[in-house]
Amino acid sequence: MNQQSLVNLLQKVQNGNISIEEALQSLRNYPYENIGDAVRLDQQRELRCGFPEVIFGAGKNEEQLLEISERILSQESDLLITRIDEHSALKIVETFPQVKYHPTSHMLSWQSNPQPGKGCVLVLTGGTADIPVAEEAALTAEMMGASVTRLFDVGVAGLHRLLDKIDLLHAARALVVVAGMEGALPSVVAGLVSAPVIAVPTSVGYGASFNGLAALLAMLNSCANGVSVVNIDNGFGAGYQAALINRQSNKYRSA
């Protein structure tokens, strides 16, 4: 049950449209709901954290994902599933046509009340091969209410491509910088902006990149200020963090 659903329920009780007993019945699965023996769906997450529980698709079978989707959609809560395989994704879309599949980022999404994005989160990549992770970050931030600008393939091998877009960098309230190989791009970006930079190492690279470990260590050892680092290929975590920063910036600017 999301925040608006709970408000609507309380208003119905206050107006006498439903009884207290009926309201309690509606809350029978609150604050969490058991789905089979392996899933406990957190129905209270949005009230605590400002965004509903996000479902990690990898490792869940098709039946579990379908049932989770059905429960979330029945509550008219936002649905976001990450790292879902194509077969399961298409099965969910077939069952729930309102849900959108994003093949590049391997995500499924549905919003109960879409609104124009606010603020500005900028998502950059070093190369084209980093785009799947970057799209995971961008879509996550958009689902959380941020206005997102994408700037792809602006790595340090051709620094003029980045400097040509300096106005976009300066306009951002938070930046997600996604790079593999040697992972140098976040340090360069952080030296050009005053907003927080969230660095995302990717597993893109040749053998000595060690599936992203080289980029991760490079980002952790950045000489630039204002750089925080998430785990290898963790676009979701970076997008979530950027959206939180953007949200707080919106509150500060409107105060």
Protein backbone atom coordinates (compact mmCIF):
# COMPACT_ATOMS: atom_id res chain seq x y z
CA MET A 1 0.00 0.00 0.00
CA ASN A 2 1.51 3.32 -1.06
CA GLN A 3 1.13 6.64 0.72
CA GLN A 4 -1.75 7.91 -1.42
CA SER A 5 -3.68 4.65 -0.99
CA LEU A 6 -3.32 4.92 2.77
CA VAL A 7 -4.48 8.55 2.75
CA ASN A 8 -7.51 7.59 0.65
CA LEU A 9 -8.35 4.79 3.05
CA LEU A 10 -8.17 7.07 6.10
CA GLN A 11 -10.33 9.67 4.37
CA LYS A 12 -12.98 7.03 3.66
CA VAL A 13 -13.03 6.09 7.34
CA GLN A 14 -13.19 9.75 8.36
CA ASN A 15 -16.08 10.41 5.97
CA GLY A 16 -17.94 7.31 7.08
CA ASN A 17 -17.76 5.66 3.68
CA ILE A 18 -16.27 2.50 5.16
CA SER A 19 -16.19 1.06 8.67
CA ILE A 20 -13.12 0.64 10.85
CA GLU A 21 -13.47 -3.13 10.44
CA GLU A 22 -13.40 -2.78 6.64
CA ALA A 23 -10.35 -0.55 6.86
CA LEU A 24 -8.58 -3.10 9.06
CA GLN A 25 -9.38 -5.78 6.50
CA SER A 26 -7.76 -3.63 3.81
CA LEU A 27 -4.65 -3.40 6.00
CA ARG A 28 -4.41 -7.14 6.67
CA ASN A 29 -1.12 -7.38 4.73
CA TYR A 30 0.37 -4.21 6.21
CA PRO A 31 3.27 -3.52 6.87
CA TYR A 32 4.43 -6.51 4.83
CA GLU A 33 2.86 -9.36 2.92
CA ASN A 34 3.96 -12.96 2.69
CA ILE A 35 4.00 -14.24 -0.88
CA GLY A 36 4.61 -17.96 -0.72
CA ASP A 37 7.41 -19.13 1.56
CA ALA A 38 10.24 -17.08 0.07
CA VAL A 39 8.99 -13.52 -0.47
CA ARG A 40 7.97 -10.87 2.05
CA LEU A 41 6.79 -7.78 0.19
CA ASP A 42 7.46 -4.58 2.14
CA GLN A 43 4.23 -2.58 1.88
CA GLN A 44 5.53 0.20 4.13
CA ARG A 45 8.67 1.10 2.23
CA GLU A 46 7.31 4.23 0.55
CA LEU A 47 6.14 5.72 3.86
CA ARG A 48 9.56 5.15 5.43
CA CYS A 49 11.85 5.86 2.51
CA GLY A 50 9.85 7.88 -0.01
CA PHE A 51 9.78 5.19 -2.70
CA PRO A 52 8.22 1.70 -2.82
CA GLU A 53 10.25 -1.49 -2.60
CA VAL A 54 12.22 -2.18 -5.77
CA ILE A 55 12.31 -5.80 -6.88
CA PHE A 56 15.61 -7.44 -7.80
CA GLY A 57 14.64 -9.78 -10.61
CA ALA A 58 17.74 -11.97 -10.81
CA GLY A 59 17.32 -15.24 -8.94
CA LYS A 60 13.53 -15.05 -8.78
CA ASN A 61 11.50 -17.46 -10.86
CA GLU A 62 8.74 -16.45 -13.25
CA GLU A 63 5.95 -17.43 -10.87
CA GLN A 64 7.38 -15.31 -8.06
CA LEU A 65 7.84 -12.30 -10.32
CA LEU A 66 4.30 -12.56 -11.67
CA GLU A 67 2.81 -12.78 -8.20
CA ILE A 68 4.91 -9.91 -6.87
CA SER A 69 3.90 -7.77 -9.87
CA GLU A 70 0.23 -8.62 -9.36
CA ARG A 71 0.33 -7.61 -5.69
CA ILE A 72 2.14 -4.33 -6.33
CA LEU A 73 -0.09 -3.36 -9.25
CA SER A 74 -3.24 -4.24 -7.30
CA GLN A 75 -2.17 -1.67 -4.71
CA GLU A 76 -1.63 0.89 -7.50
CA SER A 77 1.92 1.31 -6.27
CA ASP A 78 4.85 2.06 -8.57
CA LEU A 79 6.50 -1.08 -9.93
CA LEU A 80 10.21 -1.28 -10.66
CA ILE A 81 11.98 -4.58 -11.31
CA THR A 82 15.71 -4.62 -12.02
CA ARG A 83 17.94 -7.28 -13.60
CA ILE A 84 15.08 -9.27 -15.06
CA ASP A 85 15.63 -11.77 -17.87
CA GLU A 86 13.84 -11.16 -21.16
CA HIS A 87 11.62 -14.25 -21.00
CA SER A 88 10.22 -13.35 -17.57
CA ALA A 89 9.86 -9.71 -18.56
CA LEU A 90 7.83 -10.48 -21.67
CA LYS A 91 5.61 -12.86 -19.70
CA ILE A 92 4.82 -10.12 -17.19
CA VAL A 93 4.10 -7.62 -19.99
CA GLU A 94 1.81 -10.18 -21.61
CA THR A 95 -0.08 -10.57 -18.33
CA PHE A 96 -0.01 -6.87 -17.39
CA PRO A 97 0.10 -4.82 -20.62
CA GLN A 98 0.43 -1.53 -18.74
CA VAL A 99 3.92 -2.51 -17.63
CA LYS A 100 6.86 -1.38 -19.78
CA TYR A 101 9.94 -3.49 -20.48
CA HIS A 102 13.27 -1.73 -21.00
CA PRO A 103 15.52 -4.27 -22.77
CA THR A 104 18.71 -2.19 -22.67
CA SER A 105 18.68 -1.88 -18.89
CA HIS A 106 16.85 -5.19 -18.23
CA MET A 107 14.16 -3.42 -16.20
CA LEU A 108 10.37 -3.40 -15.92
CA SER A 109 8.47 -0.32 -14.79
CA TRP A 110 5.03 1.11 -14.19
CA GLN A 111 4.05 4.38 -12.52
CA SER A 112 0.72 4.92 -10.81
CA ASN A 113 0.74 8.69 -11.28
CA PRO A 114 3.41 9.87 -13.75
CA GLN A 115 4.57 13.43 -13.21
CA PRO A 116 7.08 15.65 -15.03
CA GLY A 117 10.57 15.21 -13.60
CA LYS A 118 12.05 17.88 -11.34
CA GLY A 119 15.56 19.17 -10.88
CA CYS A 120 18.34 17.72 -12.99
CA VAL A 121 20.28 14.47 -12.78
CA LEU A 122 22.93 14.02 -15.46
CA VAL A 123 23.95 10.47 -16.40
CA LEU A 124 27.21 10.16 -18.36
CA THR A 125 29.11 7.22 -19.79
CA GLY A 126 32.70 6.79 -20.82
CA GLY A 127 31.71 4.60 -23.75
CA THR A 128 28.75 3.14 -25.58
CA ALA A 129 29.32 -0.26 -23.93
CA ASP A 130 28.53 1.36 -20.55
CA ILE A 131 25.01 2.37 -21.61
CA PRO A 132 23.10 -0.62 -20.12
CA VAL A 133 24.35 0.26 -16.62
CA ALA A 134 23.77 3.96 -17.27
CA GLU A 135 20.20 3.32 -18.40
CA GLU A 136 19.55 1.41 -15.18
CA ALA A 137 20.66 4.52 -13.28
CA ALA A 138 18.68 6.91 -15.47
CA LEU A 139 15.42 4.96 -15.33
CA THR A 140 15.70 4.55 -11.56
CA ALA A 141 16.16 8.28 -11.07
CA GLU A 142 13.25 9.04 -13.41
CA MET A 143 10.98 6.65 -11.52
CA MET A 144 11.86 8.56 -8.35
CA GLY A 145 10.77 11.88 -9.83
CA ALA A 146 14.00 13.30 -11.22
CA SER A 147 14.41 14.97 -14.57
CA VAL A 148 17.26 13.06 -16.20
CA THR A 149 19.59 14.10 -19.01
CA ARG A 150 21.74 11.47 -20.72
CA LEU A 151 25.21 12.16 -22.10
CA PHE A 152 26.81 9.04 -23.55
CA ASP A 153 30.23 8.21 -25.01
CA VAL A 154 32.19 11.15 -23.59
CA GLY A 155 35.16 9.24 -22.15
CA VAL A 156 38.64 10.54 -21.50
CA ALA A 157 40.03 9.09 -24.76
CA GLY A 158 38.40 12.07 -26.47
CA LEU A 159 38.07 14.71 -23.75
CA HIS A 160 36.82 17.37 -26.17
CA ARG A 161 33.51 15.48 -26.38
CA LEU A 162 32.95 16.09 -22.66
CA LEU A 163 34.14 19.70 -22.61
CA ASP A 164 31.81 20.47 -25.50
CA LYS A 165 28.89 19.76 -23.11
CA ILE A 166 30.16 21.69 -20.11
CA ASP A 167 26.88 23.62 -19.74
CA LEU A 168 25.04 20.34 -19.10
CA LEU A 169 27.53 19.42 -16.39
CA HIS A 170 27.12 22.76 -14.63
CA ALA A 171 23.31 22.55 -14.72
CA ALA A 172 23.13 19.19 -12.94
CA ARG A 173 22.28 18.83 -9.26
CA ALA A 174 23.77 15.35 -9.17
CA LEU A 175 25.84 13.46 -11.72
CA VAL A 176 26.08 9.71 -12.28
CA VAL A 177 29.31 8.90 -14.13
CA VAL A 178 29.52 5.38 -15.55
CA ALA A 179 32.81 4.04 -16.88
CA GLY A 180 34.76 0.85 -17.32
CA MET A 181 38.33 0.27 -18.54
CA GLU A 182 40.57 2.44 -16.27
CA GLY A 183 37.60 4.31 -14.73
CA ALA A 184 39.08 7.81 -15.06
CA LEU A 185 35.99 9.73 -16.14
CA PRO A 186 34.45 10.45 -12.67
CA SER A 187 37.65 12.18 -11.50
CA VAL A 188 37.66 14.39 -14.58
CA VAL A 189 33.99 15.28 -14.17
CA ALA A 190 34.32 15.99 -10.46
CA GLY A 191 37.09 18.47 -11.22
CA LEU A 192 34.68 20.47 -13.38
CA VAL A 193 31.50 20.67 -11.27
CA SER A 194 30.26 21.69 -7.83
CA ALA A 195 27.52 19.04 -7.58
CA PRO A 196 27.97 15.53 -6.11
CA VAL A 197 29.39 12.91 -8.49
CA ILE A 198 28.37 9.27 -8.11
CA ALA A 199 30.87 7.02 -9.83
CA VAL A 200 29.80 3.66 -11.27
CA PRO A 201 32.52 1.24 -12.37
CA THR A 202 31.43 -1.21 -15.04
CA SER A 203 32.73 -4.64 -15.94
CA VAL A 204 33.60 -3.37 -19.44
CA GLY A 205 37.26 -3.76 -20.36
CA TYR A 206 40.08 -6.07 -21.34
CA GLY A 207 41.62 -8.76 -19.16
CA ALA A 208 43.57 -6.57 -16.74
CA SER A 209 40.41 -4.62 -15.92
CA PHE A 210 39.40 -7.72 -13.92
CA ASN A 211 35.70 -7.35 -14.75
CA GLY A 212 35.50 -3.84 -13.32
CA LEU A 213 37.81 -4.18 -10.33
CA ALA A 214 40.41 -1.88 -11.89
CA ALA A 215 37.79 0.82 -12.48
CA LEU A 216 36.39 0.37 -8.97
CA LEU A 217 39.80 0.81 -7.33
CA ALA A 218 40.59 3.80 -9.54
CA MET A 219 37.34 5.51 -8.56
CA LEU A 220 37.86 4.75 -4.87
CA ASN A 221 41.31 6.37 -5.14
CA SER A 222 40.06 9.44 -7.00
CA CYS A 223 42.05 12.61 -6.35
CA ALA A 224 38.97 14.76 -7.03
CA ASN A 225 36.64 15.92 -4.27
CA GLY A 226 32.93 15.12 -4.20
CA VAL A 227 33.17 11.61 -5.68
CA SER A 228 31.28 8.73 -4.08
CA VAL A 229 31.46 5.22 -5.53
CA VAL A 230 28.94 2.39 -5.82
CA ASN A 231 29.67 -1.22 -6.64
CA ILE A 232 30.57 -2.62 -10.06
CA ASP A 233 27.66 -2.34 -12.53
CA ASN A 234 25.35 -0.96 -9.80
CA GLY A 235 23.45 1.55 -11.92
CA PHE A 236 20.37 1.13 -9.75
CA GLY A 237 22.19 2.17 -6.58
CA ALA A 238 23.72 5.19 -8.29
CA GLY A 239 20.42 6.32 -9.80
CA TYR A 240 18.65 5.95 -6.45
CA GLN A 241 21.33 7.99 -4.66
CA ALA A 242 21.28 10.70 -7.34
CA ALA A 243 17.50 10.95 -7.12
CA LEU A 244 17.68 11.39 -3.34
CA ILE A 245 20.25 14.17 -3.72
CA ASN A 246 18.12 15.79 -6.41
CA ARG A 247 15.03 15.55 -4.19
CA GLN A 248 16.78 17.20 -1.26
CA SER A 249 18.07 19.91 -3.57
CA ASN A 250 14.52 20.58 -4.74
CA LYS A 251 13.37 20.96 -1.11
CA TYR A 252 16.24 23.29 -0.32
CA ARG A 253 15.63 25.52 -3.33
CA SER A 254 11.89 25.76 -2.67
CA ALA A 255 12.32 26.56 1.04
